[in-house]
N, C-alpha and C. Protein backbone atom coordinates (compact mmCIF):
# COMPACT_ATOMS: atom_id res chain seq x y z
N MET A 1 153.74 47.01 63.69
CA MET A 1 152.56 47.47 63.00
C MET A 1 151.30 47.23 63.82
N ALA A 2 151.30 46.14 64.61
CA ALA A 2 150.15 45.86 65.46
C ALA A 2 149.98 46.97 66.49
N HIS A 3 151.10 47.52 66.92
CA HIS A 3 151.04 48.62 67.89
C HIS A 3 150.29 49.82 67.31
N ASN A 4 150.52 50.16 66.06
CA ASN A 4 149.83 51.29 65.42
C ASN A 4 148.33 51.04 65.30
N ASP A 5 147.95 49.77 65.05
CA ASP A 5 146.52 49.44 64.94
C ASP A 5 145.81 49.65 66.27
N SER A 6 146.46 49.28 67.39
CA SER A 6 145.81 49.45 68.69
C SER A 6 145.72 50.94 69.06
N VAL A 7 146.73 51.71 68.67
CA VAL A 7 146.67 53.15 68.91
C VAL A 7 145.54 53.75 68.09
N SER A 8 145.42 53.33 66.85
CA SER A 8 144.36 53.82 65.98
C SER A 8 142.98 53.45 66.54
N ASP A 9 142.85 52.23 67.06
CA ASP A 9 141.58 51.79 67.66
C ASP A 9 141.24 52.66 68.87
N GLU A 10 142.24 52.95 69.70
CA GLU A 10 142.01 53.79 70.87
C GLU A 10 141.61 55.21 70.45
N ASP A 11 142.25 55.73 69.39
CA ASP A 11 141.90 57.06 68.88
C ASP A 11 140.46 57.07 68.37
N ASP A 12 140.10 56.00 67.64
CA ASP A 12 138.74 55.90 67.10
C ASP A 12 137.71 55.85 68.23
N LYS A 13 138.00 55.08 69.27
CA LYS A 13 137.08 54.99 70.41
C LYS A 13 136.93 56.35 71.09
N ALA A 14 138.06 57.03 71.26
CA ALA A 14 138.03 58.35 71.91
C ALA A 14 137.24 59.34 71.08
N LEU A 15 137.44 59.33 69.76
CA LEU A 15 136.68 60.22 68.87
C LEU A 15 135.18 59.90 68.93
N PHE A 16 134.87 58.60 68.92
CA PHE A 16 133.46 58.19 68.99
C PHE A 16 132.82 58.68 70.30
N HIS A 17 133.48 58.44 71.41
CA HIS A 17 132.93 58.85 72.71
C HIS A 17 132.79 60.37 72.79
N THR A 18 133.73 61.09 72.22
CA THR A 18 133.63 62.55 72.19
C THR A 18 132.43 62.99 71.35
N ALA A 19 132.25 62.35 70.20
CA ALA A 19 131.14 62.70 69.31
C ALA A 19 129.79 62.36 69.93
N MET A 20 129.74 61.33 70.73
CA MET A 20 128.47 60.86 71.31
C MET A 20 128.19 61.46 72.68
N ARG A 21 129.04 62.30 73.17
CA ARG A 21 128.95 62.86 74.52
C ARG A 21 127.58 63.47 74.82
N ASP A 22 127.00 64.23 73.91
CA ASP A 22 125.74 64.93 74.16
C ASP A 22 124.51 64.18 73.65
N VAL A 23 124.67 62.95 73.22
CA VAL A 23 123.56 62.17 72.67
C VAL A 23 122.75 61.57 73.82
N ALA A 24 121.43 61.70 73.72
CA ALA A 24 120.53 61.12 74.73
C ALA A 24 119.66 60.07 74.06
N PRO A 25 119.30 59.02 74.79
CA PRO A 25 118.43 57.99 74.21
C PRO A 25 117.05 58.57 73.88
N LEU A 26 116.41 57.99 72.88
CA LEU A 26 115.06 58.38 72.52
C LEU A 26 114.10 57.91 73.60
N PRO A 27 112.98 58.62 73.80
CA PRO A 27 112.00 58.15 74.78
C PRO A 27 111.39 56.83 74.33
N ALA A 28 110.98 56.02 75.30
CA ALA A 28 110.37 54.72 75.01
C ALA A 28 109.07 54.92 74.24
N SER A 29 108.79 54.00 73.35
CA SER A 29 107.59 54.09 72.52
C SER A 29 106.97 52.72 72.42
N ASP A 30 105.64 52.67 72.25
CA ASP A 30 104.98 51.38 72.07
C ASP A 30 104.90 51.01 70.59
N ARG A 31 105.50 51.81 69.73
CA ARG A 31 105.53 51.52 68.30
C ARG A 31 106.70 50.60 67.99
N LEU A 32 106.49 49.71 67.05
CA LEU A 32 107.55 48.82 66.63
C LEU A 32 108.42 49.53 65.61
N PRO A 33 109.73 49.26 65.62
CA PRO A 33 110.58 49.89 64.60
C PRO A 33 110.19 49.40 63.22
N GLN A 34 110.23 50.29 62.25
CA GLN A 34 109.88 49.90 60.89
C GLN A 34 111.00 49.12 60.28
N SER A 35 110.65 48.05 59.63
CA SER A 35 111.63 47.21 58.96
C SER A 35 112.00 47.83 57.62
N ARG A 36 113.24 47.71 57.26
CA ARG A 36 113.71 48.20 55.97
C ARG A 36 113.59 47.12 54.91
N ALA A 37 113.19 45.91 55.32
CA ALA A 37 113.08 44.81 54.37
C ALA A 37 111.91 45.06 53.41
N LYS A 38 112.08 44.60 52.21
CA LYS A 38 111.01 44.73 51.21
C LYS A 38 109.88 43.77 51.59
N THR A 39 108.65 44.23 51.49
CA THR A 39 107.51 43.36 51.73
C THR A 39 107.02 42.83 50.40
N SER A 40 106.34 41.69 50.45
CA SER A 40 105.83 41.10 49.22
C SER A 40 104.50 41.72 48.82
N VAL A 41 103.95 42.59 49.65
CA VAL A 41 102.69 43.24 49.34
C VAL A 41 102.97 44.57 48.65
N PRO A 42 102.52 44.71 47.41
CA PRO A 42 102.79 45.99 46.73
C PRO A 42 102.03 47.11 47.39
N ARG A 43 102.65 48.26 47.50
CA ARG A 43 102.00 49.43 48.10
C ARG A 43 101.39 50.27 47.01
N LYS A 44 100.20 50.77 47.30
CA LYS A 44 99.49 51.61 46.35
C LYS A 44 99.97 53.04 46.54
N PRO A 45 100.45 53.68 45.48
CA PRO A 45 100.85 55.07 45.62
C PRO A 45 99.67 55.93 46.09
N ARG A 46 99.94 56.92 46.94
CA ARG A 46 98.88 57.74 47.52
C ARG A 46 98.15 58.59 46.50
N HIS A 47 98.78 58.89 45.34
CA HIS A 47 98.14 59.77 44.38
C HIS A 47 97.10 59.05 43.52
N ILE A 48 97.01 57.72 43.61
CA ILE A 48 96.02 56.99 42.82
C ILE A 48 94.65 57.19 43.44
N ASP A 49 93.67 57.44 42.60
CA ASP A 49 92.30 57.63 43.06
C ASP A 49 91.78 56.33 43.67
N GLU A 50 90.97 56.42 44.72
CA GLU A 50 90.46 55.24 45.39
C GLU A 50 89.62 54.35 44.47
N THR A 51 89.03 54.91 43.41
CA THR A 51 88.23 54.09 42.51
C THR A 51 89.09 53.08 41.77
N ALA A 52 90.39 53.30 41.75
CA ALA A 52 91.30 52.35 41.12
C ALA A 52 91.63 51.19 42.06
N LEU A 53 91.10 51.22 43.27
CA LEU A 53 91.40 50.20 44.27
C LEU A 53 91.05 48.81 43.76
N ALA A 54 89.91 48.65 43.10
CA ALA A 54 89.48 47.33 42.63
C ALA A 54 90.51 46.71 41.70
N ASP A 55 91.12 47.52 40.86
CA ASP A 55 92.11 47.00 39.93
C ASP A 55 93.39 46.59 40.66
N ASN A 56 93.62 47.10 41.85
CA ASN A 56 94.83 46.81 42.59
C ASN A 56 94.68 45.64 43.56
N LEU A 57 93.47 45.16 43.80
CA LEU A 57 93.28 44.05 44.71
C LEU A 57 93.44 42.75 43.92
N SER A 58 94.60 42.16 44.03
CA SER A 58 94.96 41.00 43.24
C SER A 58 94.65 39.70 43.97
N ASP A 59 94.30 38.69 43.20
CA ASP A 59 94.17 37.34 43.74
C ASP A 59 95.50 36.60 43.68
N HIS A 60 96.49 37.22 43.07
CA HIS A 60 97.78 36.56 42.89
C HIS A 60 98.71 36.76 44.07
N ILE A 61 98.33 37.62 44.98
CA ILE A 61 99.09 37.78 46.21
C ILE A 61 98.29 37.04 47.28
N ALA A 62 98.86 35.98 47.78
CA ALA A 62 98.10 35.14 48.68
C ALA A 62 98.91 34.77 49.90
N ILE A 63 98.29 34.94 51.05
CA ILE A 63 98.85 34.45 52.30
C ILE A 63 97.98 33.27 52.68
N GLU A 64 98.57 32.10 52.72
CA GLU A 64 97.81 30.88 52.96
C GLU A 64 97.40 30.79 54.43
N LEU A 65 96.26 30.19 54.63
CA LEU A 65 95.71 30.02 55.97
C LEU A 65 95.15 28.62 56.07
N GLU A 66 95.56 27.90 57.08
CA GLU A 66 95.04 26.56 57.29
C GLU A 66 93.61 26.64 57.80
N THR A 67 92.79 25.67 57.44
CA THR A 67 91.40 25.66 57.87
C THR A 67 91.33 25.72 59.39
N GLY A 68 90.49 26.61 59.90
CA GLY A 68 90.29 26.73 61.33
C GLY A 68 91.27 27.67 62.01
N ASP A 69 92.29 28.12 61.30
CA ASP A 69 93.26 29.02 61.91
C ASP A 69 92.64 30.38 62.19
N VAL A 70 93.05 30.95 63.31
CA VAL A 70 92.71 32.33 63.63
C VAL A 70 93.85 33.15 63.05
N TRP A 71 93.52 34.15 62.28
CA TRP A 71 94.60 34.93 61.71
C TRP A 71 94.38 36.40 61.91
N SER A 72 95.48 37.12 61.75
CA SER A 72 95.42 38.56 61.94
C SER A 72 96.53 39.19 61.11
N PHE A 73 96.46 40.51 61.00
CA PHE A 73 97.44 41.27 60.24
C PHE A 73 97.62 42.62 60.92
N ILE A 74 98.84 43.08 60.97
CA ILE A 74 99.10 44.44 61.43
C ILE A 74 100.16 45.03 60.52
N ARG A 75 99.91 46.23 60.05
CA ARG A 75 100.82 46.92 59.14
C ARG A 75 102.16 47.13 59.85
N PRO A 76 103.28 46.89 59.17
CA PRO A 76 104.59 47.12 59.79
C PRO A 76 104.70 48.55 60.34
N GLY A 77 105.25 48.64 61.54
CA GLY A 77 105.41 49.93 62.20
C GLY A 77 104.30 50.24 63.18
N MET A 78 103.22 49.46 63.13
CA MET A 78 102.12 49.66 64.07
C MET A 78 102.41 48.91 65.36
N SER A 79 101.89 49.40 66.45
CA SER A 79 102.10 48.81 67.76
C SER A 79 101.32 47.50 67.90
N ALA A 80 101.92 46.53 68.56
CA ALA A 80 101.21 45.28 68.85
C ALA A 80 99.99 45.55 69.71
N GLN A 81 100.04 46.63 70.50
CA GLN A 81 98.90 47.00 71.34
C GLN A 81 97.68 47.34 70.48
N THR A 82 97.90 47.88 69.29
CA THR A 82 96.80 48.20 68.39
C THR A 82 96.02 46.95 68.04
N LEU A 83 96.72 45.87 67.73
CA LEU A 83 96.06 44.62 67.40
C LEU A 83 95.34 44.04 68.62
N ARG A 84 95.95 44.13 69.79
CA ARG A 84 95.28 43.65 71.02
C ARG A 84 93.99 44.43 71.26
N ARG A 85 94.04 45.74 71.08
CA ARG A 85 92.84 46.57 71.28
C ARG A 85 91.76 46.21 70.27
N LEU A 86 92.15 45.97 69.03
CA LEU A 86 91.17 45.59 68.01
C LEU A 86 90.50 44.27 68.39
N ARG A 87 91.28 43.30 68.83
CA ARG A 87 90.74 42.00 69.24
C ARG A 87 89.77 42.13 70.41
N ARG A 88 90.04 43.07 71.30
CA ARG A 88 89.23 43.22 72.52
C ARG A 88 88.05 44.16 72.36
N GLY A 89 87.86 44.71 71.17
CA GLY A 89 86.70 45.57 70.93
C GLY A 89 86.87 47.00 71.40
N TYR A 90 88.08 47.50 71.42
CA TYR A 90 88.36 48.86 71.87
C TYR A 90 87.61 49.90 71.02
N TRP A 91 87.55 49.68 69.71
CA TRP A 91 86.82 50.58 68.81
C TRP A 91 85.45 50.00 68.52
N LYS A 92 84.43 50.87 68.48
CA LYS A 92 83.10 50.38 68.12
C LYS A 92 83.08 50.10 66.62
N ILE A 93 82.30 49.13 66.23
CA ILE A 93 82.18 48.78 64.81
C ILE A 93 81.25 49.79 64.16
N ASP A 94 81.80 50.56 63.21
CA ASP A 94 81.03 51.61 62.55
C ASP A 94 80.12 51.08 61.45
N GLU A 95 80.55 50.04 60.75
CA GLU A 95 79.77 49.54 59.61
C GLU A 95 80.16 48.09 59.34
N THR A 96 79.24 47.34 58.71
CA THR A 96 79.46 45.92 58.42
C THR A 96 79.15 45.63 56.95
N LEU A 97 79.98 44.80 56.35
CA LEU A 97 79.72 44.29 55.00
C LEU A 97 79.58 42.78 55.11
N ASP A 98 78.46 42.26 54.61
CA ASP A 98 78.20 40.82 54.61
C ASP A 98 78.42 40.30 53.20
N LEU A 99 79.38 39.42 53.03
CA LEU A 99 79.73 38.88 51.71
C LEU A 99 79.10 37.53 51.42
N HIS A 100 78.20 37.07 52.29
CA HIS A 100 77.52 35.78 52.04
C HIS A 100 76.85 35.78 50.68
N GLY A 101 77.05 34.72 49.92
CA GLY A 101 76.36 34.55 48.65
C GLY A 101 77.04 35.20 47.47
N PHE A 102 78.10 35.96 47.68
CA PHE A 102 78.79 36.61 46.57
C PHE A 102 79.84 35.68 45.97
N THR A 103 80.04 35.78 44.67
CA THR A 103 81.16 35.09 44.03
C THR A 103 82.43 35.84 44.40
N ARG A 104 83.57 35.26 44.05
CA ARG A 104 84.85 35.90 44.35
C ARG A 104 84.92 37.30 43.73
N ASP A 105 84.58 37.42 42.45
CA ASP A 105 84.66 38.71 41.78
C ASP A 105 83.65 39.71 42.34
N GLU A 106 82.45 39.23 42.64
CA GLU A 106 81.44 40.12 43.23
C GLU A 106 81.89 40.58 44.62
N ALA A 107 82.47 39.66 45.39
CA ALA A 107 82.93 40.00 46.74
C ALA A 107 84.04 41.05 46.68
N ARG A 108 84.97 40.90 45.73
CA ARG A 108 86.05 41.87 45.61
C ARG A 108 85.49 43.25 45.26
N GLN A 109 84.52 43.30 44.34
CA GLN A 109 83.90 44.57 43.95
C GLN A 109 83.15 45.19 45.13
N GLU A 110 82.39 44.38 45.87
CA GLU A 110 81.65 44.88 47.02
C GLU A 110 82.59 45.40 48.10
N LEU A 111 83.67 44.66 48.34
CA LEU A 111 84.64 45.08 49.35
C LEU A 111 85.29 46.39 48.94
N THR A 112 85.61 46.53 47.68
CA THR A 112 86.23 47.76 47.17
C THR A 112 85.31 48.96 47.40
N LEU A 113 84.07 48.83 47.02
CA LEU A 113 83.10 49.92 47.20
C LEU A 113 82.89 50.23 48.67
N PHE A 114 82.81 49.17 49.47
CA PHE A 114 82.61 49.33 50.91
C PHE A 114 83.78 50.09 51.54
N LEU A 115 85.01 49.69 51.19
CA LEU A 115 86.19 50.38 51.74
C LEU A 115 86.22 51.84 51.32
N GLU A 116 85.92 52.11 50.06
CA GLU A 116 85.90 53.49 49.58
C GLU A 116 84.90 54.33 50.38
N ASN A 117 83.71 53.78 50.60
CA ASN A 117 82.68 54.50 51.36
C ASN A 117 83.08 54.69 52.81
N CYS A 118 83.66 53.67 53.42
CA CYS A 118 84.08 53.76 54.83
C CYS A 118 85.20 54.79 55.00
N LEU A 119 86.12 54.81 54.05
CA LEU A 119 87.21 55.80 54.13
C LEU A 119 86.67 57.21 53.92
N ARG A 120 85.74 57.35 52.98
CA ARG A 120 85.12 58.67 52.73
C ARG A 120 84.37 59.15 53.97
N ASP A 121 83.67 58.23 54.63
CA ASP A 121 82.87 58.58 55.82
C ASP A 121 83.70 58.60 57.10
N ARG A 122 85.00 58.38 56.97
CA ARG A 122 85.96 58.43 58.07
C ARG A 122 85.66 57.40 59.17
N TYR A 123 85.20 56.23 58.78
CA TYR A 123 84.99 55.16 59.75
C TYR A 123 86.35 54.63 60.17
N ARG A 124 86.44 54.19 61.41
CA ARG A 124 87.71 53.70 61.96
C ARG A 124 87.74 52.18 62.04
N CYS A 125 86.64 51.58 62.49
CA CYS A 125 86.59 50.13 62.67
C CYS A 125 85.39 49.58 61.92
N ILE A 126 85.64 48.59 61.07
CA ILE A 126 84.56 47.98 60.29
C ILE A 126 84.63 46.46 60.44
N ARG A 127 83.53 45.81 60.06
CA ARG A 127 83.48 44.34 60.12
C ARG A 127 83.18 43.82 58.72
N ILE A 128 83.93 42.81 58.32
CA ILE A 128 83.71 42.12 57.06
C ILE A 128 83.27 40.70 57.40
N VAL A 129 82.03 40.35 57.06
CA VAL A 129 81.52 39.00 57.29
C VAL A 129 81.77 38.20 56.01
N HIS A 130 82.69 37.25 56.10
CA HIS A 130 83.05 36.44 54.92
C HIS A 130 82.43 35.06 54.98
N GLY A 131 81.93 34.67 56.12
CA GLY A 131 81.32 33.36 56.29
C GLY A 131 82.33 32.31 56.70
N LYS A 132 81.82 31.20 57.16
CA LYS A 132 82.67 30.10 57.61
C LYS A 132 82.83 29.03 56.55
N GLY A 133 82.15 29.18 55.42
CA GLY A 133 82.28 28.23 54.33
C GLY A 133 81.38 27.02 54.45
N LEU A 134 80.45 27.05 55.37
CA LEU A 134 79.59 25.88 55.57
C LEU A 134 78.69 25.60 54.37
N GLY A 135 78.42 26.63 53.56
CA GLY A 135 77.58 26.44 52.39
C GLY A 135 78.37 26.24 51.11
N SER A 136 79.70 26.24 51.20
CA SER A 136 80.52 26.09 49.99
C SER A 136 80.69 24.62 49.64
N LYS A 137 81.17 24.38 48.42
CA LYS A 137 81.29 23.03 47.89
C LYS A 137 82.13 22.12 48.79
N ASP A 138 83.27 22.60 49.24
CA ASP A 138 84.15 21.80 50.08
C ASP A 138 83.99 22.10 51.57
N ARG A 139 82.97 22.87 51.90
CA ARG A 139 82.69 23.29 53.27
C ARG A 139 83.90 24.00 53.89
N GLU A 140 84.62 24.76 53.06
CA GLU A 140 85.75 25.56 53.51
C GLU A 140 85.48 27.01 53.15
N PRO A 141 85.98 27.96 53.97
CA PRO A 141 85.72 29.38 53.72
C PRO A 141 86.49 29.90 52.50
N VAL A 142 85.80 30.07 51.39
CA VAL A 142 86.42 30.53 50.15
C VAL A 142 86.84 31.99 50.27
N LEU A 143 85.99 32.82 50.86
CA LEU A 143 86.25 34.25 50.90
C LEU A 143 87.11 34.68 52.09
N LYS A 144 87.32 33.81 53.06
CA LYS A 144 88.08 34.19 54.26
C LYS A 144 89.50 34.65 53.90
N THR A 145 90.26 33.79 53.24
CA THR A 145 91.63 34.15 52.90
C THR A 145 91.67 35.23 51.82
N ARG A 146 90.72 35.17 50.88
CA ARG A 146 90.70 36.19 49.82
C ARG A 146 90.44 37.58 50.43
N ALA A 147 89.47 37.68 51.31
CA ALA A 147 89.16 38.98 51.92
C ALA A 147 90.38 39.51 52.69
N GLY A 148 91.01 38.65 53.44
CA GLY A 148 92.21 39.06 54.17
C GLY A 148 93.33 39.50 53.24
N ASN A 149 93.55 38.74 52.18
CA ASN A 149 94.60 39.10 51.22
C ASN A 149 94.28 40.42 50.51
N TRP A 150 93.02 40.67 50.21
CA TRP A 150 92.64 41.95 49.59
C TRP A 150 92.86 43.10 50.57
N LEU A 151 92.50 42.88 51.84
CA LEU A 151 92.66 43.93 52.84
C LEU A 151 94.13 44.30 53.05
N ILE A 152 95.00 43.31 53.03
CA ILE A 152 96.44 43.56 53.21
C ILE A 152 96.96 44.48 52.12
N GLN A 153 96.38 44.40 50.93
CA GLN A 153 96.85 45.21 49.80
C GLN A 153 96.38 46.66 49.86
N CYS A 154 95.45 46.96 50.76
CA CYS A 154 94.93 48.32 50.89
C CYS A 154 95.75 49.08 51.93
N ALA A 155 96.44 50.14 51.50
CA ALA A 155 97.33 50.90 52.39
C ALA A 155 96.58 51.54 53.55
N ASP A 156 95.28 51.76 53.44
CA ASP A 156 94.51 52.39 54.51
C ASP A 156 94.05 51.39 55.57
N VAL A 157 94.31 50.11 55.37
CA VAL A 157 94.00 49.08 56.38
C VAL A 157 95.23 48.95 57.27
N LEU A 158 95.06 49.31 58.54
CA LEU A 158 96.17 49.25 59.50
C LEU A 158 96.31 47.88 60.14
N ALA A 159 95.17 47.23 60.36
CA ALA A 159 95.19 45.93 61.03
C ALA A 159 93.85 45.24 60.82
N PHE A 160 93.86 43.92 60.95
CA PHE A 160 92.60 43.18 61.04
C PHE A 160 92.84 41.92 61.85
N CYS A 161 91.74 41.39 62.38
CA CYS A 161 91.80 40.15 63.15
C CYS A 161 90.44 39.47 63.07
N GLN A 162 90.42 38.22 63.46
CA GLN A 162 89.17 37.49 63.53
C GLN A 162 88.28 38.16 64.58
N ALA A 163 87.01 38.25 64.26
CA ALA A 163 86.06 38.89 65.17
C ALA A 163 85.85 38.05 66.43
N ARG A 164 85.44 38.72 67.49
CA ARG A 164 85.05 38.01 68.71
C ARG A 164 83.81 37.18 68.40
N PRO A 165 83.54 36.13 69.17
CA PRO A 165 82.37 35.29 68.90
C PRO A 165 81.06 36.09 68.78
N ALA A 166 80.89 37.11 69.61
CA ALA A 166 79.66 37.92 69.57
C ALA A 166 79.56 38.74 68.28
N ASP A 167 80.69 38.95 67.60
CA ASP A 167 80.72 39.77 66.39
C ASP A 167 80.87 38.95 65.11
N GLY A 168 80.79 37.62 65.23
CA GLY A 168 80.88 36.78 64.04
C GLY A 168 81.95 35.72 64.09
N GLY A 169 82.81 35.79 65.10
CA GLY A 169 83.84 34.76 65.29
C GLY A 169 84.65 34.46 64.04
N GLY A 170 84.82 33.17 63.74
CA GLY A 170 85.62 32.72 62.61
C GLY A 170 85.03 33.06 61.25
N GLY A 171 83.83 33.61 61.22
CA GLY A 171 83.21 33.98 59.95
C GLY A 171 83.29 35.46 59.65
N ALA A 172 84.08 36.20 60.43
CA ALA A 172 84.14 37.65 60.23
C ALA A 172 85.52 38.19 60.62
N LEU A 173 85.85 39.33 60.05
CA LEU A 173 87.08 40.04 60.37
C LEU A 173 86.73 41.43 60.89
N LEU A 174 87.44 41.88 61.91
CA LEU A 174 87.37 43.26 62.35
C LEU A 174 88.55 43.98 61.70
N VAL A 175 88.29 45.13 61.12
CA VAL A 175 89.30 45.85 60.35
C VAL A 175 89.46 47.26 60.92
N LEU A 176 90.71 47.65 61.16
CA LEU A 176 91.01 48.99 61.63
C LEU A 176 91.54 49.80 60.46
N LEU A 177 90.87 50.93 60.17
CA LEU A 177 91.27 51.78 59.07
C LEU A 177 92.07 52.97 59.57
N ARG A 178 92.88 53.50 58.70
CA ARG A 178 93.69 54.68 59.00
C ARG A 178 92.74 55.85 59.30
N SER A 179 93.03 56.61 60.34
CA SER A 179 92.20 57.77 60.64
C SER A 179 92.65 58.92 59.76
N LYS A 180 91.72 59.68 59.24
CA LYS A 180 92.02 60.77 58.32
C LYS A 180 91.85 62.09 59.04
N ASN A 181 92.70 62.38 60.01
CA ASN A 181 92.60 63.63 60.77
C ASN A 181 93.35 64.73 60.07
């Protein structure tokens, strides 16, 4: 019986090689393969009006960040080169939102309106100034992680990273938005 299994294996290999004879490898790409794994970030259906964005930016989805950490985000399937370019200032900053002095709820509302306007005006790169938390009760950045967590929930945000020192450093994020061509 073992003999029949080896014959069957050889037949299977021969059939496979025959079937794959005309197959050519895909060209190299700088894009990362998309993961089939479920993400913990809910995706907003495309048919929902952007004005509903505020209702979709939850405080219950949180990615923790240690104080002083430099953090970044890139949407699955995007090239790592995109994030490097964003960090290096490849795109000019089209618009800035300063969240200094806003409460959490006010900041979420301002960010929502700002994103809607930037998407409408087809801006590609924006800056969100969240502050370093020096004026907060515990001298920790309250809006830093919240702003990042809200941005991750917006399907039109492709990537973000901490701004370069000249653009706000640890108190600001550079955000790359989806181009609407």
